[in-house]
């Protein structure tokens, strides 16, 4: 299990901004009970404090407010997984090669053999799953979405996306889809890359489409703005925060994890931020001429503060 926390000082601290911290339960072979990970990936932070001066050796939680933002569960493989901890019927839903599998959780989290849930459409290929309001929501390649309740009854909750922001005529070498719960709403975030080159070298080759589920109309509705929200889409977790909780970080943005290719000059530089990109929805121009822009946090700066504990925290 991996949990992303929002950590912020207790008032009346002079520095009131918050930070993101992701913690995973350690493995027995590592002889650790918990491991701190990169907030948007599965990569542990460097052990050497010189290589990672942003983290104190100890943190007294009595001095901070801590709230949980995201909780994810994992299998030994990289399959999309969602877990419902409903006391009446705790269950797990998993996507394997585009097919949907379900199983009830046993005693002490024991996972019995999963069984496939028959698809409503024979040719459908599922790509992501999330537990939202006690039910499992599963999205397919074309945006068709089904909801599955505790009785394993599946019904269509959204039809294919018919009016994408980016025309399908634009070739997309990489297309990823993420289901994100954001302040009670269910969002679908589609990541598009029109080049296989490293995005650091071709930032214009990256864009995002954002949709909000309208369950009554059974469709995904395009979103033109996130307002004060910041979305995070990572290798193993997706969540959102309000920019006002992180002074110095701009709202209406998507932070995403984009590892470097073998040919990228940043690959040999193990920086904490070099693989984190920011999609700023209204970043360029002004008024009606505003256009999104993409940049990376290679050099830290104010936009990277959301991942950094402040320098005035003394090391233990």
Protein backbone atom coordinates (compact mmCIF):
# COMPACT_ATOMS: atom_id res chain seq x y z
CA UNK A 1 0.00 0.00 0.00
CA UNK A 2 1.22 3.51 -0.86
CA UNK A 3 -0.20 6.69 0.64
CA UNK A 4 0.30 10.31 -0.43
CA UNK A 5 0.01 12.80 2.43
CA UNK A 6 -0.38 16.56 2.57
CA UNK A 7 1.91 17.82 5.36
CA UNK A 8 1.59 21.41 6.59
CA UNK A 9 2.86 23.29 9.68
CA UNK A 10 0.59 23.84 12.63
CA UNK A 11 -0.47 27.49 13.04
CA UNK A 12 0.88 30.02 13.77
CA UNK A 13 3.91 28.87 11.75
CA UNK A 14 5.54 31.60 9.68
CA UNK A 15 5.72 29.31 6.65
CA UNK A 16 2.22 27.94 6.07
CA UNK A 17 2.66 26.22 2.73
CA UNK A 18 2.24 22.46 2.48
CA UNK A 19 4.21 19.64 0.87
CA UNK A 20 3.50 16.23 -0.61
CA UNK A 21 4.97 13.10 0.93
CA UNK A 22 4.44 9.55 -0.35
CA UNK A 23 5.13 6.59 1.92
CA UNK A 24 5.00 2.89 1.11
CA UNK A 25 5.05 -0.10 3.40
CA UNK A 26 8.53 -1.58 3.28
CA UNK A 27 9.42 -5.07 2.16
CA UNK A 28 10.90 -7.62 4.53
CA UNK A 29 13.99 -7.97 2.33
CA UNK A 30 14.75 -4.29 2.79
CA UNK A 31 14.45 -4.53 6.59
CA UNK A 32 12.38 -1.35 6.69
CA UNK A 33 8.80 -0.79 7.77
CA UNK A 34 8.28 2.28 5.57
CA UNK A 35 10.01 3.79 2.54
CA UNK A 36 9.63 7.33 1.20
CA UNK A 37 9.06 7.47 -2.55
CA UNK A 38 9.14 10.10 -5.28
CA UNK A 39 5.62 11.65 -5.07
CA UNK A 40 4.70 10.75 -8.67
CA UNK A 41 6.64 7.55 -9.29
CA UNK A 42 7.74 4.29 -7.71
CA UNK A 43 11.32 5.52 -7.27
CA UNK A 44 12.68 5.78 -3.69
CA UNK A 45 14.30 9.03 -2.66
CA UNK A 46 18.12 8.88 -2.58
CA UNK A 47 19.49 7.45 0.67
CA UNK A 48 22.40 9.87 0.72
CA UNK A 49 21.30 13.09 2.50
CA UNK A 50 23.86 15.05 0.46
CA UNK A 51 22.14 13.92 -2.75
CA UNK A 52 18.75 14.77 -1.24
CA UNK A 53 19.04 17.77 1.11
CA UNK A 54 15.28 18.41 0.89
CA UNK A 55 14.28 15.80 3.45
CA UNK A 56 15.11 15.98 7.17
CA UNK A 57 16.20 12.77 8.88
CA UNK A 58 13.27 13.02 11.28
CA UNK A 59 9.95 14.84 11.27
CA UNK A 60 7.95 15.41 14.45
CA UNK A 61 4.34 14.99 13.34
CA UNK A 62 3.10 16.85 16.43
CA UNK A 63 4.34 20.01 14.71
CA UNK A 64 2.35 19.38 11.52
CA UNK A 65 -1.13 18.82 10.14
CA UNK A 66 -1.22 15.62 8.10
CA UNK A 67 -4.05 14.62 5.76
CA UNK A 68 -4.31 11.71 3.34
CA UNK A 69 -4.71 12.58 -0.35
CA UNK A 70 -4.38 9.24 -2.12
CA UNK A 71 -4.10 5.56 -1.28
CA UNK A 72 -3.12 2.95 -3.84
CA UNK A 73 -2.66 -0.82 -3.75
CA UNK A 74 -0.32 -2.86 -5.89
CA UNK A 75 0.22 -6.31 -7.29
CA UNK A 76 3.63 -7.78 -8.19
CA UNK A 77 2.83 -6.65 -11.73
CA UNK A 78 1.94 -3.20 -13.10
CA UNK A 79 -1.78 -3.87 -13.55
CA UNK A 80 -4.27 -1.07 -12.78
CA UNK A 81 -5.84 -1.94 -9.41
CA UNK A 82 -8.60 -0.43 -7.27
CA UNK A 83 -9.68 -1.54 -3.81
CA UNK A 84 -12.96 -1.04 -1.97
CA UNK A 85 -12.70 -1.37 1.82
CA UNK A 86 -16.46 -1.50 2.31
CA UNK A 87 -16.92 -3.40 5.60
CA UNK A 88 -19.80 -5.42 4.14
CA UNK A 89 -17.89 -6.57 1.07
CA UNK A 90 -14.22 -5.56 0.79
CA UNK A 91 -13.12 -6.23 -2.77
CA UNK A 92 -10.43 -5.71 -5.38
CA UNK A 93 -10.85 -4.85 -9.08
CA UNK A 94 -7.99 -5.31 -11.53
CA UNK A 95 -7.38 -4.86 -15.27
CA UNK A 96 -5.22 -7.46 -17.01
CA UNK A 97 -4.58 -7.12 -20.75
CA UNK A 98 -7.71 -5.00 -21.18
CA UNK A 99 -9.99 -7.39 -19.30
CA UNK A 100 -11.63 -6.78 -15.93
CA UNK A 101 -11.18 -9.09 -12.94
CA UNK A 102 -12.79 -9.00 -9.49
CA UNK A 103 -12.27 -10.78 -6.20
CA UNK A 104 -13.43 -10.42 -2.61
CA UNK A 105 -10.78 -9.74 0.00
CA UNK A 106 -10.43 -12.43 2.64
CA UNK A 107 -9.18 -12.38 6.20
CA UNK A 108 -6.06 -10.24 6.80
CA UNK A 109 -6.21 -8.94 3.25
CA UNK A 110 -5.82 -12.41 1.72
CA UNK A 111 -6.62 -12.29 -1.99
CA UNK A 112 -8.43 -15.34 -3.37
CA UNK A 113 -8.47 -16.21 -7.04
CA UNK A 114 -9.93 -13.42 -9.16
CA UNK A 115 -12.66 -14.07 -11.70
CA UNK A 116 -13.24 -12.22 -14.94
CA UNK A 117 -16.26 -9.95 -15.23
CA UNK A 118 -17.94 -10.41 -18.55
CA UNK A 119 -17.71 -7.24 -20.62
CA UNK A 120 -20.86 -5.45 -21.75
CA UNK A 121 -19.23 -5.12 -25.17
CA UNK A 122 -17.12 -7.97 -26.51
CA UNK A 123 -14.48 -5.80 -28.18
CA UNK A 124 -13.99 -3.30 -25.34
CA UNK A 125 -10.50 -2.84 -23.87
CA UNK A 126 -10.30 -1.39 -20.36
CA UNK A 127 -7.37 0.83 -19.38
CA UNK A 128 -8.01 2.22 -15.87
CA UNK A 129 -10.15 1.54 -12.80
CA UNK A 130 -10.98 3.54 -9.67
CA UNK A 131 -13.15 3.10 -6.57
CA UNK A 132 -15.44 6.14 -6.34
CA UNK A 133 -18.28 6.56 -3.83
CA UNK A 134 -18.18 2.86 -2.98
CA UNK A 135 -18.40 1.62 -6.58
CA UNK A 136 -15.85 0.63 -9.20
CA UNK A 137 -15.62 2.80 -12.32
CA UNK A 138 -13.75 1.38 -15.31
CA UNK A 139 -12.83 3.31 -18.47
CA UNK A 140 -12.00 1.88 -21.89
CA UNK A 141 -9.67 3.06 -24.64
CA UNK A 142 -12.38 5.17 -26.33
CA UNK A 143 -13.83 6.63 -23.13
CA UNK A 144 -16.70 4.21 -22.64
CA UNK A 145 -17.12 3.77 -18.91
CA UNK A 146 -18.92 1.18 -16.82
CA UNK A 147 -19.74 1.19 -13.12
CA UNK A 148 -19.78 -2.03 -11.09
CA UNK A 149 -21.55 -2.27 -7.72
CA UNK A 150 -21.08 -4.78 -4.88
CA UNK A 151 -23.46 -7.24 -6.58
CA UNK A 152 -21.09 -7.22 -9.61
CA UNK A 153 -23.80 -5.71 -11.74
CA UNK A 154 -22.15 -3.68 -14.50
CA UNK A 155 -23.87 -0.87 -16.37
CA UNK A 156 -22.72 1.71 -18.89
CA UNK A 157 -22.24 5.12 -17.25
CA UNK A 158 -20.59 6.99 -20.14
CA UNK A 159 -20.58 6.58 -23.91
CA UNK A 160 -17.47 7.03 -26.11
CA UNK A 161 -15.95 10.51 -26.20
CA UNK A 162 -17.27 12.10 -29.37
CA UNK A 163 -15.79 15.62 -29.24
CA UNK A 164 -12.16 15.44 -28.08
CA UNK A 165 -10.10 18.55 -27.56
CA UNK A 166 -7.38 17.13 -29.82
CA UNK A 167 -8.63 15.84 -33.21
CA UNK A 168 -8.02 12.14 -33.68
CA UNK A 169 -6.33 13.02 -36.97
CA UNK A 170 -3.34 14.21 -34.92
CA UNK A 171 -1.04 11.19 -34.58
CA UNK A 172 -0.42 10.26 -30.95
CA UNK A 173 2.58 8.03 -30.34
CA UNK A 174 1.62 7.77 -26.67
CA UNK A 175 -1.90 8.02 -25.29
CA UNK A 176 -2.61 7.32 -21.61
CA UNK A 177 -5.87 7.60 -19.68
CA UNK A 178 -6.23 8.29 -15.98
CA UNK A 179 -9.32 8.29 -13.76
CA UNK A 180 -8.96 10.94 -11.05
CA UNK A 181 -11.27 11.68 -8.13
CA UNK A 182 -11.25 15.44 -7.50
CA UNK A 183 -13.32 16.95 -4.68
CA UNK A 184 -16.29 14.65 -5.24
CA UNK A 185 -16.09 14.71 -9.04
CA UNK A 186 -14.80 11.94 -11.28
CA UNK A 187 -12.43 13.17 -14.00
CA UNK A 188 -10.88 11.50 -17.01
CA UNK A 189 -7.44 12.83 -17.93
CA UNK A 190 -5.98 11.82 -21.29
CA UNK A 191 -2.26 12.32 -21.88
CA UNK A 192 -1.12 12.68 -25.49
CA UNK A 193 2.41 12.73 -26.86
CA UNK A 194 2.88 13.28 -30.58
CA UNK A 195 6.53 12.26 -30.57
CA UNK A 196 8.61 9.42 -29.22
CA UNK A 197 11.48 11.83 -28.58
CA UNK A 198 12.16 12.81 -24.98
CA UNK A 199 9.60 15.44 -23.98
CA UNK A 200 12.39 17.58 -22.49
CA UNK A 201 13.62 18.07 -26.04
CA UNK A 202 10.20 18.50 -27.61
CA UNK A 203 7.86 19.99 -25.01
CA UNK A 204 5.33 21.04 -27.65
CA UNK A 205 4.70 17.34 -28.31
CA UNK A 206 2.76 16.94 -25.05
CA UNK A 207 -0.83 17.88 -24.29
CA UNK A 208 -3.76 16.79 -22.14
CA UNK A 209 -7.50 16.40 -22.52
CA UNK A 210 -9.67 16.72 -19.39
CA UNK A 211 -13.26 15.55 -18.99
CA UNK A 212 -15.76 15.44 -16.11
CA UNK A 213 -18.30 12.65 -15.75
CA UNK A 214 -21.93 13.67 -16.17
CA UNK A 215 -23.66 10.54 -14.90
CA UNK A 216 -27.16 11.87 -15.61
CA UNK A 217 -26.34 12.41 -19.29
CA UNK A 218 -24.05 9.35 -19.45
CA UNK A 219 -21.19 11.24 -21.01
CA UNK A 220 -17.79 12.78 -20.40
CA UNK A 221 -17.94 16.58 -20.65
CA UNK A 222 -14.89 18.56 -21.73
CA UNK A 223 -13.38 20.85 -19.08
CA UNK A 224 -11.81 24.10 -20.24
CA UNK A 225 -10.37 24.98 -16.84
CA UNK A 226 -9.49 23.47 -13.47
CA UNK A 227 -9.73 26.86 -11.72
CA UNK A 228 -7.76 26.63 -8.46
CA UNK A 229 -7.21 22.89 -8.69
CA UNK A 230 -3.94 21.09 -9.43
CA UNK A 231 -4.12 17.54 -10.77
CA UNK A 232 -1.36 14.97 -10.34
CA UNK A 233 -1.05 11.98 -12.65
CA UNK A 234 1.77 9.62 -11.77
CA UNK A 235 2.99 6.10 -12.38
CA UNK A 236 1.02 4.67 -9.50
CA UNK A 237 -1.35 7.34 -8.15
CA UNK A 238 -3.61 10.18 -9.29
CA UNK A 239 -5.06 12.88 -7.03
CA UNK A 240 -5.79 16.60 -6.80
CA UNK A 241 -5.19 19.51 -4.42
CA UNK A 242 -6.13 23.17 -4.18
CA UNK A 243 -3.40 25.60 -5.20
CA UNK A 244 -4.29 27.89 -2.30
CA UNK A 245 -2.90 25.21 0.05
CA UNK A 246 0.49 25.44 -1.67
CA UNK A 247 1.55 29.10 -1.98
CA UNK A 248 3.88 29.59 -4.91
CA UNK A 249 2.23 26.84 -6.96
CA UNK A 250 -0.14 27.94 -9.71
CA UNK A 251 -3.61 26.46 -10.08
CA UNK A 252 -5.19 25.21 -13.32
CA UNK A 253 -2.24 22.88 -13.92
CA UNK A 254 -1.49 19.19 -14.29
CA UNK A 255 1.71 17.78 -12.80
CA UNK A 256 2.80 14.58 -14.53
CA UNK A 257 5.65 12.10 -14.40
CA UNK A 258 7.55 11.60 -17.66
CA UNK A 259 10.75 9.53 -17.35
CA UNK A 260 13.63 10.34 -19.65
CA UNK A 261 14.48 8.28 -22.69
CA UNK A 262 17.89 6.69 -23.07
CA UNK A 263 19.00 9.51 -25.35
CA UNK A 264 17.98 12.31 -23.00
CA UNK A 265 20.77 14.41 -21.48
CA UNK A 266 18.88 14.48 -18.17
CA UNK A 267 18.91 10.69 -17.79
CA UNK A 268 22.40 10.71 -16.24
CA UNK A 269 21.42 13.43 -13.76
CA UNK A 270 19.48 11.88 -10.84
CA UNK A 271 17.58 15.03 -9.95
CA UNK A 272 14.38 14.86 -7.97
CA UNK A 273 12.47 17.10 -10.36
CA UNK A 274 13.90 16.39 -13.80
CA UNK A 275 11.14 13.90 -14.70
CA UNK A 276 8.22 16.03 -13.46
CA UNK A 277 6.42 18.04 -16.10
CA UNK A 278 3.77 20.73 -15.64
CA UNK A 279 0.95 21.27 -18.13
CA UNK A 280 -0.19 24.85 -17.52
CA UNK A 281 -3.65 25.14 -19.09
CA UNK A 282 -3.63 28.94 -19.44
CA UNK A 283 0.11 29.44 -19.27
CA UNK A 284 0.83 31.39 -22.44
CA UNK A 285 -0.61 34.59 -23.90
CA UNK A 286 -3.44 36.63 -22.42
CA UNK A 287 -7.22 36.90 -22.75
CA UNK A 288 -8.66 34.88 -25.64
CA UNK A 289 -5.15 34.21 -26.96
CA UNK A 290 -4.15 32.10 -23.98
CA UNK A 291 -2.69 28.73 -24.85
CA UNK A 292 -1.39 25.84 -22.72
CA UNK A 293 2.33 25.40 -22.20
CA UNK A 294 4.49 22.58 -20.89
CA UNK A 295 7.64 22.90 -18.79
CA UNK A 296 9.74 20.64 -16.57
CA UNK A 297 10.96 21.19 -13.01
CA UNK A 298 14.60 20.55 -13.81
CA UNK A 299 15.85 23.43 -11.69
CA UNK A 300 13.28 23.38 -8.91
CA UNK A 301 11.87 26.87 -8.35
CA UNK A 302 8.53 27.92 -6.88
CA UNK A 303 6.56 25.34 -8.86
CA UNK A 304 8.62 22.57 -7.26
CA UNK A 305 7.86 23.75 -3.72
CA UNK A 306 4.94 21.38 -3.59
CA UNK A 307 7.43 18.50 -3.36
CA UNK A 308 10.02 20.11 -1.04
CA UNK A 309 10.17 20.37 2.68
CA UNK A 310 11.33 23.92 3.50
CA UNK A 311 14.95 24.67 4.17
CA UNK A 312 14.21 26.15 7.58
CA UNK A 313 13.29 22.71 8.94
CA UNK A 314 16.31 21.70 10.99
CA UNK A 315 17.79 18.26 10.44
CA UNK A 316 17.55 15.99 13.43
